[in-house]
Amino acid sequence: MDFSKFTHINQAFTCMNCGREVPPRTSGCRNHCPYCLTSRHVDINPGDRANNCEGLMDAVGYELSAKKGVVLIFHCRRCQQVTRNMAANEDPNTPDNYDLILTLNRPLIDR
């Protein structure tokens, strides 16, 4: 993943897993549902919408990063790819479900 090719997209969407309406983040970008932590596999580089997979991605774990805070680990149901994305648990309007994050697997070694 090449973060120098980051495309800023911060728009509302309907979660394809739980059906809830997800508003844009107050700051930054959101690529997963804050309620059920499900994402859709649509990007090759963040925000480019160039991935044809379009499978649902489940949050399967998390890491703690000194620079990025909580980083969610996603697994695609369709193509099996594993990706990482920063949690939005500090968004003042629609934070990620932190209780749900804490139920996810956490690797023994954080980055």
PDB file of N, CA and C in Angstrom:
ATOM      1  N   MET A   1       0.842  -1.167   0.000  1.00  0.00           N
ATOM      2  CA  MET A   1       0.000   0.000   0.000  1.00  0.00           C
ATOM      3  C   MET A   1       0.889   1.233   0.000  1.00  0.00           C
ATOM      4  N   ASP A   2       0.623   2.142  -0.868  1.00  0.00           N
ATOM      5  CA  ASP A   2       1.432   3.336  -1.020  1.00  0.00           C
ATOM      6  C   ASP A   2       0.662   4.542  -0.481  1.00  0.00           C
ATOM      7  N   PHE A   3       0.996   4.987   0.741  1.00  0.00           N
ATOM      8  CA  PHE A   3       0.276   6.102   1.352  1.00  0.00           C
ATOM      9  C   PHE A   3       0.578   7.433   0.686  1.00  0.00           C
ATOM     10  N   SER A   4       1.616   7.508  -0.167  1.00  0.00           N
ATOM     11  CA  SER A   4       1.857   8.743  -0.910  1.00  0.00           C
ATOM     12  C   SER A   4       0.786   8.930  -1.982  1.00  0.00           C
ATOM     13  N   LYS A   5       0.033   7.876  -2.271  1.00  0.00           N
ATOM     14  CA  LYS A   5      -1.046   7.946  -3.260  1.00  0.00           C
ATOM     15  C   LYS A   5      -2.412   8.026  -2.578  1.00  0.00           C
ATOM     16  N   PHE A   6      -2.468   8.548  -1.370  1.00  0.00           N
ATOM     17  CA  PHE A   6      -3.687   8.651  -0.590  1.00  0.00           C
ATOM     18  C   PHE A   6      -4.660   9.627  -1.241  1.00  0.00           C
ATOM     19  N   THR A   7      -5.885   9.183  -1.465  1.00  0.00           N
ATOM     20  CA  THR A   7      -6.953  10.030  -1.996  1.00  0.00           C
ATOM     21  C   THR A   7      -7.938  10.299  -0.868  1.00  0.00           C
ATOM     22  N   HIS A   8      -8.142  11.553  -0.522  1.00  0.00           N
ATOM     23  CA  HIS A   8      -9.002  11.936   0.596  1.00  0.00           C
ATOM     24  C   HIS A   8     -10.470  11.810   0.186  1.00  0.00           C
ATOM     25  N   ILE A   9     -11.155  10.808   0.733  1.00  0.00           N
ATOM     26  CA  ILE A   9     -12.594  10.636   0.507  1.00  0.00           C
ATOM     27  C   ILE A   9     -13.243  10.495   1.877  1.00  0.00           C
ATOM     28  N   ASN A  10     -14.120  11.413   2.209  1.00  0.00           N
ATOM     29  CA  ASN A  10     -14.802  11.405   3.501  1.00  0.00           C
ATOM     30  C   ASN A  10     -16.277  11.651   3.244  1.00  0.00           C
ATOM     31  N   GLN A  11     -16.988  10.573   2.939  1.00  0.00           N
ATOM     32  CA  GLN A  11     -18.397  10.712   2.589  1.00  0.00           C
ATOM     33  C   GLN A  11     -19.240   9.705   3.363  1.00  0.00           C
ATOM     34  N   ALA A  12     -20.516   9.993   3.482  1.00  0.00           N
ATOM     35  CA  ALA A  12     -21.453   9.087   4.143  1.00  0.00           C
ATOM     36  C   ALA A  12     -21.642   7.836   3.295  1.00  0.00           C
ATOM     37  N   PHE A  13     -21.993   6.722   3.943  1.00  0.00           N
ATOM     38  CA  PHE A  13     -22.319   5.492   3.229  1.00  0.00           C
ATOM     39  C   PHE A  13     -23.232   4.629   4.087  1.00  0.00           C
ATOM     40  N   THR A  14     -23.860   3.657   3.462  1.00  0.00           N
ATOM     41  CA  THR A  14     -24.675   2.678   4.161  1.00  0.00           C
ATOM     42  C   THR A  14     -23.841   1.421   4.330  1.00  0.00           C
ATOM     43  N   CYS A  15     -23.729   0.933   5.549  1.00  0.00           N
ATOM     44  CA  CYS A  15     -22.940  -0.275   5.808  1.00  0.00           C
ATOM     45  C   CYS A  15     -23.602  -1.469   5.138  1.00  0.00           C
ATOM     46  N   MET A  16     -22.836  -2.203   4.347  1.00  0.00           N
ATOM     47  CA  MET A  16     -23.362  -3.374   3.648  1.00  0.00           C
ATOM     48  C   MET A  16     -23.494  -4.579   4.566  1.00  0.00           C
ATOM     49  N   ASN A  17     -22.988  -4.487   5.795  1.00  0.00           N
ATOM     50  CA  ASN A  17     -23.105  -5.580   6.748  1.00  0.00           C
ATOM     51  C   ASN A  17     -24.301  -5.388   7.690  1.00  0.00           C
ATOM     52  N   CYS A  18     -24.364  -4.232   8.366  1.00  0.00           N
ATOM     53  CA  CYS A  18     -25.426  -4.021   9.356  1.00  0.00           C
ATOM     54  C   CYS A  18     -26.543  -3.109   8.856  1.00  0.00           C
ATOM     55  N   GLY A  19     -26.339  -2.439   7.705  1.00  0.00           N
ATOM     56  CA  GLY A  19     -27.376  -1.604   7.114  1.00  0.00           C
ATOM     57  C   GLY A  19     -27.530  -0.219   7.718  1.00  0.00           C
ATOM     58  N   ARG A  20     -26.676   0.135   8.673  1.00  0.00           N
ATOM     59  CA  ARG A  20     -26.795   1.448   9.299  1.00  0.00           C
ATOM     60  C   ARG A  20     -26.168   2.528   8.425  1.00  0.00           C
ATOM     61  N   GLU A  21     -26.707   3.740   8.548  1.00  0.00           N
ATOM     62  CA  GLU A  21     -26.167   4.892   7.846  1.00  0.00           C
ATOM     63  C   GLU A  21     -24.942   5.393   8.607  1.00  0.00           C
ATOM     64  N   VAL A  22     -23.840   5.561   7.891  1.00  0.00           N
ATOM     65  CA  VAL A  22     -22.576   5.993   8.490  1.00  0.00           C
ATOM     66  C   VAL A  22     -22.252   7.390   7.981  1.00  0.00           C
ATOM     67  N   PRO A  23     -22.201   8.380   8.886  1.00  0.00           N
ATOM     68  CA  PRO A  23     -21.874   9.741   8.449  1.00  0.00           C
ATOM     69  C   PRO A  23     -20.380   9.899   8.203  1.00  0.00           C
ATOM     70  N   PRO A  24     -19.977  10.961   7.507  1.00  0.00           N
ATOM     71  CA  PRO A  24     -18.546  11.228   7.348  1.00  0.00           C
ATOM     72  C   PRO A  24     -17.913  11.504   8.706  1.00  0.00           C
ATOM     73  N   ARG A  25     -16.610  11.315   8.802  1.00  0.00           N
ATOM     74  CA  ARG A  25     -15.889  11.648  10.034  1.00  0.00           C
ATOM     75  C   ARG A  25     -15.799  13.152  10.187  1.00  0.00           C
ATOM     76  N   THR A  26     -15.626  13.596  11.402  1.00  0.00           N
ATOM     77  CA  THR A  26     -15.434  15.017  11.676  1.00  0.00           C
ATOM     78  C   THR A  26     -14.135  15.497  11.056  1.00  0.00           C
ATOM     79  N   SER A  27     -13.091  14.686  11.144  1.00  0.00           N
ATOM     80  CA  SER A  27     -11.813  14.986  10.489  1.00  0.00           C
ATOM     81  C   SER A  27     -11.219  13.669  10.014  1.00  0.00           C
ATOM     82  N   GLY A  28     -10.444  13.724   8.961  1.00  0.00           N
ATOM     83  CA  GLY A  28      -9.869  12.503   8.411  1.00  0.00           C
ATOM     84  C   GLY A  28     -10.846  11.799   7.488  1.00  0.00           C
ATOM     85  N   CYS A  29     -10.614  10.521   7.272  1.00  0.00           N
ATOM     86  CA  CYS A  29     -11.454   9.713   6.389  1.00  0.00           C
ATOM     87  C   CYS A  29     -11.919   8.472   7.130  1.00  0.00           C
ATOM     88  N   ARG A  30     -13.052   7.947   6.726  1.00  0.00           N
ATOM     89  CA  ARG A  30     -13.563   6.721   7.327  1.00  0.00           C
ATOM     90  C   ARG A  30     -13.714   5.679   6.233  1.00  0.00           C
ATOM     91  N   ASN A  31     -13.226   4.458   6.497  1.00  0.00           N
ATOM     92  CA  ASN A  31     -13.393   3.404   5.503  1.00  0.00           C
ATOM     93  C   ASN A  31     -14.107   2.187   6.074  1.00  0.00           C
ATOM     94  N   HIS A  32     -14.622   2.306   7.296  1.00  0.00           N
ATOM     95  CA  HIS A  32     -15.319   1.175   7.907  1.00  0.00           C
ATOM     96  C   HIS A  32     -16.480   1.692   8.755  1.00  0.00           C
ATOM     97  N   CYS A  33     -17.401   0.806   9.041  1.00  0.00           N
ATOM     98  CA  CYS A  33     -18.581   1.137   9.830  1.00  0.00           C
ATOM     99  C   CYS A  33     -18.181   1.264  11.303  1.00  0.00           C
ATOM    100  N   PRO A  34     -18.540   2.364  11.973  1.00  0.00           N
ATOM    101  CA  PRO A  34     -18.186   2.517  13.373  1.00  0.00           C
ATOM    102  C   PRO A  34     -19.032   1.646  14.299  1.00  0.00           C
ATOM    103  N   TYR A  35     -20.139   1.116  13.792  1.00  0.00           N
ATOM    104  CA  TYR A  35     -21.056   0.336  14.609  1.00  0.00           C
ATOM    105  C   TYR A  35     -20.676  -1.148  14.651  1.00  0.00           C
ATOM    106  N   CYS A  36     -20.377  -1.725  13.474  1.00  0.00           N
ATOM    107  CA  CYS A  36     -20.053  -3.163  13.418  1.00  0.00           C
ATOM    108  C   CYS A  36     -18.607  -3.427  12.996  1.00  0.00           C
ATOM    109  N   LEU A  37     -17.855  -2.370  12.667  1.00  0.00           N
ATOM    110  CA  LEU A  37     -16.439  -2.440  12.281  1.00  0.00           C
ATOM    111  C   LEU A  37     -16.202  -3.239  11.001  1.00  0.00           C
ATOM    112  N   THR A  38     -17.171  -3.209  10.099  1.00  0.00           N
ATOM    113  CA  THR A  38     -17.029  -3.897   8.815  1.00  0.00           C
ATOM    114  C   THR A  38     -16.654  -2.870   7.748  1.00  0.00           C
ATOM    115  N   SER A  39     -15.801  -3.275   6.827  1.00  0.00           N
ATOM    116  CA  SER A  39     -15.361  -2.419   5.738  1.00  0.00           C
ATOM    117  C   SER A  39     -15.698  -3.100   4.417  1.00  0.00           C
ATOM    118  N   ARG A  40     -15.436  -2.414   3.331  1.00  0.00           N
ATOM    119  CA  ARG A  40     -15.634  -2.977   1.994  1.00  0.00           C
ATOM    120  C   ARG A  40     -14.323  -2.853   1.235  1.00  0.00           C
ATOM    121  N   HIS A  41     -13.894  -3.919   0.587  1.00  0.00           N
ATOM    122  CA  HIS A  41     -12.597  -3.984  -0.069  1.00  0.00           C
ATOM    123  C   HIS A  41     -12.672  -3.311  -1.432  1.00  0.00           C
ATOM    124  N   VAL A  42     -12.520  -1.985  -1.436  1.00  0.00           N
ATOM    125  CA  VAL A  42     -12.653  -1.219  -2.678  1.00  0.00           C
ATOM    126  C   VAL A  42     -11.381  -0.474  -3.079  1.00  0.00           C
ATOM    127  N   ASP A  43     -10.393  -0.383  -2.175  1.00  0.00           N
ATOM    128  CA  ASP A  43      -9.181   0.397  -2.460  1.00  0.00           C
ATOM    129  C   ASP A  43      -7.951  -0.484  -2.637  1.00  0.00           C
ATOM    130  N   ILE A  44      -7.067  -0.055  -3.532  1.00  0.00           N
ATOM    131  CA  ILE A  44      -5.719  -0.600  -3.601  1.00  0.00           C
ATOM    132  C   ILE A  44      -4.827   0.311  -2.775  1.00  0.00           C
ATOM    133  N   ASN A  45      -4.844   1.602  -3.089  1.00  0.00           N
ATOM    134  CA  ASN A  45      -4.222   2.632  -2.266  1.00  0.00           C
ATOM    135  C   ASN A  45      -5.363   3.406  -1.617  1.00  0.00           C
ATOM    136  N   PRO A  46      -5.171   3.911  -0.393  1.00  0.00           N
ATOM    137  CA  PRO A  46      -6.279   4.533   0.339  1.00  0.00           C
ATOM    138  C   PRO A  46      -7.052   5.556  -0.479  1.00  0.00           C
ATOM    139  N   GLY A  47      -8.356   5.303  -0.619  1.00  0.00           N
ATOM    140  CA  GLY A  47      -9.253   6.229  -1.288  1.00  0.00           C
ATOM    141  C   GLY A  47      -9.318   6.147  -2.798  1.00  0.00           C
ATOM    142  N   ASP A  48      -8.562   5.237  -3.427  1.00  0.00           N
ATOM    143  CA  ASP A  48      -8.538   5.235  -4.900  1.00  0.00           C
ATOM    144  C   ASP A  48      -9.718   4.497  -5.540  1.00  0.00           C
ATOM    145  N   ARG A  49     -10.422   3.678  -4.799  1.00  0.00           N
ATOM    146  CA  ARG A  49     -11.580   2.902  -5.288  1.00  0.00           C
ATOM    147  C   ARG A  49     -11.232   2.083  -6.527  1.00  0.00           C
ATOM    148  N   ALA A  50      -9.986   1.575  -6.594  1.00  0.00           N
ATOM    149  CA  ALA A  50      -9.488   0.854  -7.765  1.00  0.00           C
ATOM    150  C   ALA A  50      -9.485  -0.663  -7.596  1.00  0.00           C
ATOM    151  N   ASN A  51      -9.948  -1.174  -6.466  1.00  0.00           N
ATOM    152  CA  ASN A  51      -9.947  -2.620  -6.253  1.00  0.00           C
ATOM    153  C   ASN A  51     -11.284  -3.197  -6.684  1.00  0.00           C
ATOM    154  N   ASN A  52     -11.254  -4.172  -7.570  1.00  0.00           N
ATOM    155  CA  ASN A  52     -12.481  -4.785  -8.080  1.00  0.00           C
ATOM    156  C   ASN A  52     -13.053  -5.855  -7.162  1.00  0.00           C
ATOM    157  N   CYS A  53     -12.370  -6.194  -6.085  1.00  0.00           N
ATOM    158  CA  CYS A  53     -12.837  -7.255  -5.191  1.00  0.00           C
ATOM    159  C   CYS A  53     -14.209  -6.922  -4.602  1.00  0.00           C
ATOM    160  N   GLU A  54     -14.317  -5.790  -3.942  1.00  0.00           N
ATOM    161  CA  GLU A  54     -15.547  -5.300  -3.329  1.00  0.00           C
ATOM    162  C   GLU A  54     -16.139  -6.219  -2.271  1.00  0.00           C
ATOM    163  N   GLY A  55     -15.340  -7.162  -1.753  1.00  0.00           N
ATOM    164  CA  GLY A  55     -15.810  -8.044  -0.690  1.00  0.00           C
ATOM    165  C   GLY A  55     -15.937  -7.306   0.631  1.00  0.00           C
ATOM    166  N   LEU A  56     -16.724  -7.874   1.537  1.00  0.00           N
ATOM    167  CA  LEU A  56     -16.809  -7.299   2.876  1.00  0.00           C
ATOM    168  C   LEU A  56     -15.572  -7.707   3.661  1.00  0.00           C
ATOM    169  N   MET A  57     -15.092  -6.784   4.481  1.00  0.00           N
ATOM    170  CA  MET A  57     -13.894  -7.018   5.280  1.00  0.00           C
ATOM    171  C   MET A  57     -14.267  -6.941   6.756  1.00  0.00           C
ATOM    172  N   ASP A  58     -13.937  -7.982   7.494  1.00  0.00           N
ATOM    173  CA  ASP A  58     -14.231  -8.038   8.920  1.00  0.00           C
ATOM    174  C   ASP A  58     -13.027  -7.578   9.725  1.00  0.00           C
ATOM    175  N   ALA A  59     -13.282  -6.785  10.765  1.00  0.00           N
ATOM    176  CA  ALA A  59     -12.224  -6.443  11.712  1.00  0.00           C
ATOM    177  C   ALA A  59     -11.961  -7.704  12.540  1.00  0.00           C
ATOM    178  N   VAL A  60     -10.735  -8.200  12.462  1.00  0.00           N
ATOM    179  CA  VAL A  60     -10.408  -9.462  13.136  1.00  0.00           C
ATOM    180  C   VAL A  60      -9.400  -9.274  14.263  1.00  0.00           C
ATOM    181  N   GLY A  61      -8.845  -8.086  14.378  1.00  0.00           N
ATOM    182  CA  GLY A  61      -7.870  -7.830  15.423  1.00  0.00           C
ATOM    183  C   GLY A  61      -7.508  -6.369  15.462  1.00  0.00           C
ATOM    184  N   TYR A  62      -6.625  -6.043  16.388  1.00  0.00           N
ATOM    185  CA  TYR A  62      -6.131  -4.673  16.464  1.00  0.00           C
ATOM    186  C   TYR A  62      -4.721  -4.658  17.029  1.00  0.00           C
ATOM    187  N   GLU A  63      -4.031  -3.572  16.713  1.00  0.00           N
ATOM    188  CA  GLU A  63      -2.679  -3.329  17.215  1.00  0.00           C
ATOM    189  C   GLU A  63      -2.670  -1.943  17.839  1.00  0.00           C
ATOM    190  N   LEU A  64      -1.723  -1.703  18.704  1.00  0.00           N
ATOM    191  CA  LEU A  64      -1.526  -0.378  19.266  1.00  0.00           C
ATOM    192  C   LEU A  64      -0.249   0.193  18.682  1.00  0.00           C
ATOM    193  N   SER A  65      -0.356   1.373  18.107  1.00  0.00           N
ATOM    194  CA  SER A  65       0.787   2.028  17.469  1.00  0.00           C
ATOM    195  C   SER A  65       1.086   3.333  18.197  1.00  0.00           C
ATOM    196  N   ALA A  66       2.356   3.576  18.493  1.00  0.00           N
ATOM    197  CA  ALA A  66       2.733   4.817  19.153  1.00  0.00           C
ATOM    198  C   ALA A  66       2.378   6.032  18.297  1.00  0.00           C
ATOM    199  N   LYS A  67       2.433   5.893  16.975  1.00  0.00           N
ATOM    200  CA  LYS A  67       2.155   7.007  16.073  1.00  0.00           C
ATOM    201  C   LYS A  67       0.688   7.102  15.664  1.00  0.00           C
ATOM    202  N   LYS A  68       0.021   5.949  15.474  1.00  0.00           N
ATOM    203  CA  LYS A  68      -1.323   5.938  14.900  1.00  0.00           C
ATOM    204  C   LYS A  68      -2.414   5.581  15.895  1.00  0.00           C
ATOM    205  N   GLY A  69      -2.071   5.196  17.098  1.00  0.00           N
ATOM    206  CA  GLY A  69      -3.076   4.793  18.079  1.00  0.00           C
ATOM    207  C   GLY A  69      -3.559   3.383  17.794  1.00  0.00           C
ATOM    208  N   VAL A  70      -4.873   3.174  17.886  1.00  0.00           N
ATOM    209  CA  VAL A  70      -5.454   1.861  17.632  1.00  0.00           C
ATOM    210  C   VAL A  70      -5.541   1.637  16.123  1.00  0.00           C
ATOM    211  N   VAL A  71      -4.967   0.528  15.658  1.00  0.00           N
ATOM    212  CA  VAL A  71      -4.991   0.170  14.241  1.00  0.00           C
ATOM    213  C   VAL A  71      -5.768  -1.137  14.111  1.00  0.00           C
ATOM    214  N   LEU A  72      -6.860  -1.093  13.351  1.00  0.00           N
ATOM    215  CA  LEU A  72      -7.678  -2.284  13.143  1.00  0.00           C
ATOM    216  C   LEU A  72      -7.086  -3.158  12.046  1.00  0.00           C
ATOM    217  N   ILE A  73      -7.194  -4.463  12.214  1.00  0.00           N
ATOM    218  CA  ILE A  73      -6.741  -5.436  11.224  1.00  0.00           C
ATOM    219  C   ILE A  73      -7.991  -6.027  10.581  1.00  0.00           C
ATOM    220  N   PHE A  74      -8.079  -5.910   9.253  1.00  0.00           N
ATOM    221  CA  PHE A  74      -9.239  -6.399   8.510  1.00  0.00           C
ATOM    222  C   PHE A  74      -8.874  -7.600   7.651  1.00  0.00           C
ATOM    223  N   HIS A  75      -9.833  -8.511   7.494  1.00  0.00           N
ATOM    224  CA  HIS A  75      -9.669  -9.691   6.641  1.00  0.00           C
ATOM    225  C   HIS A  75     -10.824  -9.712   5.652  1.00  0.00           C
ATOM    226  N   CYS A  76     -10.499  -9.787   4.357  1.00  0.00           N
ATOM    227  CA  CYS A  76     -11.526  -9.790   3.316  1.00  0.00           C
ATOM    228  C   CYS A  76     -12.170 -11.170   3.205  1.00  0.00           C
ATOM    229  N   ARG A  77     -13.489 -11.210   3.248  1.00  0.00           N
ATOM    230  CA  ARG A  77     -14.235 -12.470   3.123  1.00  0.00           C
ATOM    231  C   ARG A  77     -14.084 -13.084   1.732  1.00  0.00           C
ATOM    232  N   ARG A  78     -13.895 -12.250   0.719  1.00  0.00           N
ATOM    233  CA  ARG A  78     -13.862 -12.732  -0.663  1.00  0.00           C
ATOM    234  C   ARG A  78     -12.461 -13.168  -1.095  1.00  0.00           C
ATOM    235  N   CYS A  79     -11.474 -12.278  -0.993  1.00  0.00           N
ATOM    236  CA  CYS A  79     -10.143 -12.590  -1.529  1.00  0.00           C
ATOM    237  C   CYS A  79      -9.118 -12.953  -0.457  1.00  0.00           C
ATOM    238  N   GLN A  80      -9.516 -12.877   0.801  1.00  0.00           N
ATOM    239  CA  GLN A  80      -8.678 -13.263   1.946  1.00  0.00           C
ATOM    240  C   GLN A  80      -7.556 -12.285   2.271  1.00  0.00           C
ATOM    241  N   GLN A  81      -7.460 -11.144   1.589  1.00  0.00           N
ATOM    242  CA  GLN A  81      -6.392 -10.183   1.881  1.00  0.00           C
ATOM    243  C   GLN A  81      -6.572  -9.606   3.284  1.00  0.00           C
ATOM    244  N   VAL A  82      -5.449  -9.322   3.931  1.00  0.00           N
ATOM    245  CA  VAL A  82      -5.441  -8.691   5.246  1.00  0.00           C
ATOM    246  C   VAL A  82      -4.914  -7.270   5.089  1.00  0.00           C
ATOM    247  N   THR A  83      -5.634  -6.306   5.651  1.00  0.00           N
ATOM    248  CA  THR A  83      -5.229  -4.907   5.594  1.00  0.00           C
ATOM    249  C   THR A  83      -5.325  -4.300   6.992  1.00  0.00           C
ATOM    250  N   ARG A  84      -4.773  -3.115   7.136  1.00  0.00           N
ATOM    251  CA  ARG A  84      -4.822  -2.392   8.400  1.00  0.00           C
ATOM    252  C   ARG A  84      -5.339  -0.974   8.147  1.00  0.00           C
ATOM    253  N   ASN A  85      -6.071  -0.450   9.148  1.00  0.00           N
ATOM    254  CA  ASN A  85      -6.571   0.909   9.056  1.00  0.00           C
ATOM    255  C   ASN A  85      -6.730   1.479  10.459  1.00  0.00           C
ATOM    256  N   MET A  86      -6.430   2.747  10.585  1.00  0.00           N
ATOM    257  CA  MET A  86      -6.566   3.394  11.885  1.00  0.00           C
ATOM    258  C   MET A  86      -8.019   3.399  12.338  1.00  0.00           C
ATOM    259  N   ALA A  87      -8.222   3.141  13.620  1.00  0.00           N
ATOM    260  CA  ALA A  87      -9.554   3.231  14.203  1.00  0.00           C
ATOM    261  C   ALA A  87      -9.944   4.700  14.318  1.00  0.00           C
ATOM    262  N   ALA A  88     -11.228   4.944  14.330  1.00  0.00           N
ATOM    263  CA  ALA A  88     -11.750   6.311  14.469  1.00  0.00           C
ATOM    264  C   ALA A  88     -12.472   6.428  15.810  1.00  0.00           C
ATOM    265  N   ASN A  89     -11.882   5.825  16.854  1.00  0.00           N
ATOM    266  CA  ASN A  89     -12.565   5.785  18.141  1.00  0.00           C
ATOM    267  C   ASN A  89     -12.562   7.132  18.863  1.00  0.00           C
ATOM    268  N   GLU A  90     -11.873   8.139  18.330  1.00  0.00           N
ATOM    269  CA  GLU A  90     -11.864   9.459  18.954  1.00  0.00           C
ATOM    270  C   GLU A  90     -12.716  10.466  18.181  1.00  0.00           C
ATOM    271  N   ASP A  91     -13.434  10.019  17.142  1.00  0.00           N
ATOM    272  CA  ASP A  91     -14.309  10.928  16.401  1.00  0.00           C
ATOM    273  C   ASP A  91     -15.413  11.413  17.350  1.00  0.00           C
ATOM    274  N   PRO A  92     -15.596  12.729  17.512  1.00  0.00           N
ATOM    275  CA  PRO A  92     -16.561  13.229  18.494  1.00  0.00           C
ATOM    276  C   PRO A  92     -18.023  12.934  18.162  1.00  0.00           C
ATOM    277  N   ASN A  93     -18.364  12.763  16.885  1.00  0.00           N
ATOM    278  CA  ASN A  93     -19.760  12.535  16.512  1.00  0.00           C
ATOM    279  C   ASN A  93     -20.121  11.063  16.378  1.00  0.00           C
ATOM    280  N   THR A  94     -19.288  10.290  15.724  1.00  0.00           N
ATOM    281  CA  THR A  94     -19.572   8.872  15.511  1.00  0.00           C
ATOM    282  C   THR A  94     -18.295   8.070  15.716  1.00  0.00           C
ATOM    283  N   PRO A  95     -17.891   7.859  16.971  1.00  0.00           N
ATOM    284  CA  PRO A  95     -16.664   7.097  17.211  1.00  0.00           C
ATOM    285  C   PRO A  95     -16.876   5.618  16.930  1.00  0.00           C
ATOM    286  N   ASP A  96     -15.775   4.933  16.634  1.00  0.00           N
ATOM    287  CA  ASP A  96     -15.844   3.484  16.490  1.00  0.00           C
ATOM    288  C   ASP A  96     -16.289   2.864  17.809  1.00  0.00           C
ATOM    289  N   ASN A  97     -16.962   1.732  17.723  1.00  0.00           N
ATOM    290  CA  ASN A  97     -17.446   1.005  18.895  1.00  0.00           C
ATOM    291  C   ASN A  97     -16.245   0.416  19.636  1.00  0.00           C
ATOM    292  N   TYR A  98     -15.748   1.143  20.638  1.00  0.00           N
ATOM    293  CA  TYR A  98     -14.530   0.739  21.336  1.00  0.00           C
ATOM    294  C   TYR A  98     -14.727  -0.565  22.095  1.00  0.00           C
ATOM    295  N   ASP A  99     -15.921  -0.788  22.636  1.00  0.00           N
ATOM    296  CA  ASP A  99     -16.187  -2.063  23.327  1.00  0.00           C
ATOM    297  C   ASP A  99     -16.044  -3.232  22.361  1.00  0.00           C
ATOM    298  N   LEU A 100     -16.499  -3.049  21.116  1.00  0.00           N
ATOM    299  CA  LEU A 100     -16.363  -4.092  20.108  1.00  0.00           C
ATOM    300  C   LEU A 100     -14.896  -4.281  19.721  1.00  0.00           C
ATOM    301  N   ILE A 101     -14.152  -3.184  19.617  1.00  0.00           N
ATOM    302  CA  ILE A 101     -12.714  -3.285  19.312  1.00  0.00           C
ATOM    303  C   ILE A 101     -12.017  -4.148  20.360  1.00  0.00           C
ATOM    304  N   LEU A 102     -12.363  -3.947  21.622  1.00  0.00           N
ATOM    305  CA  LEU A 102     -11.700  -4.691  22.699  1.00  0.00           C
ATOM    306  C   LEU A 102     -12.007  -6.187  22.684  1.00  0.00           C
ATOM    307  N   THR A 103     -13.035  -6.599  21.939  1.00  0.00           N
ATOM    308  CA  THR A 103     -13.327  -8.037  21.834  1.00  0.00           C
ATOM    309  C   THR A 103     -12.492  -8.714  20.739  1.00  0.00           C
ATOM    310  N   LEU A 104     -11.820  -7.903  19.899  1.00  0.00           N
ATOM    311  CA  LEU A 104     -11.024  -8.434  18.794  1.00  0.00           C
ATOM    312  C   LEU A 104      -9.715  -9.002  19.307  1.00  0.00           C
ATOM    313  N   ASN A 105      -9.107  -9.882  18.524  1.00  0.00           N
ATOM    314  CA  ASN A 105      -7.803 -10.430  18.871  1.00  0.00           C
ATOM    315  C   ASN A 105      -6.756  -9.333  18.838  1.00  0.00           C
ATOM    316  N   ARG A 106      -5.815  -9.446  19.744  1.00  0.00           N
ATOM    317  CA  ARG A 106      -4.710  -8.477  19.782  1.00  0.00           C
ATOM    318  C   ARG A 106      -3.400  -9.248  19.751  1.00  0.00           C
ATOM    319  N   PRO A 107      -2.550  -8.954  18.761  1.00  0.00           N
ATOM    320  CA  PRO A 107      -1.260  -9.641  18.693  1.00  0.00           C
ATOM    321  C   PRO A 107      -0.443  -9.385  19.964  1.00  0.00           C
ATOM    322  N   LEU A 108       0.433 -10.321  20.276  1.00  0.00           N
ATOM    323  CA  LEU A 108       1.265 -10.177  21.469  1.00  0.00           C
ATOM    324  C   LEU A 108       2.258  -9.035  21.339  1.00  0.00           C
ATOM    325  N   ILE A 109       2.692  -8.743  20.112  1.00  0.00           N
ATOM    326  CA  ILE A 109       3.665  -7.684  19.881  1.00  0.00           C
ATOM    327  C   ILE A 109       2.997  -6.584  19.067  1.00  0.00           C
ATOM    328  N   ASP A 110       2.990  -5.368  19.607  1.00  0.00           N
ATOM    329  CA  ASP A 110       2.445  -4.219  18.881  1.00  0.00           C
ATOM    330  C   ASP A 110       3.558  -3.499  18.163  1.00  0.00           C
ATOM    331  N   ARG A 111       3.168  -2.752  17.136  1.00  0.00           N
ATOM    332  CA  ARG A 111       4.152  -1.984  16.356  1.00  0.00           C
ATOM    333  C   ARG A 111       4.313  -0.611  16.943  1.00  0.00           C
TER     334      ARG A 111
END
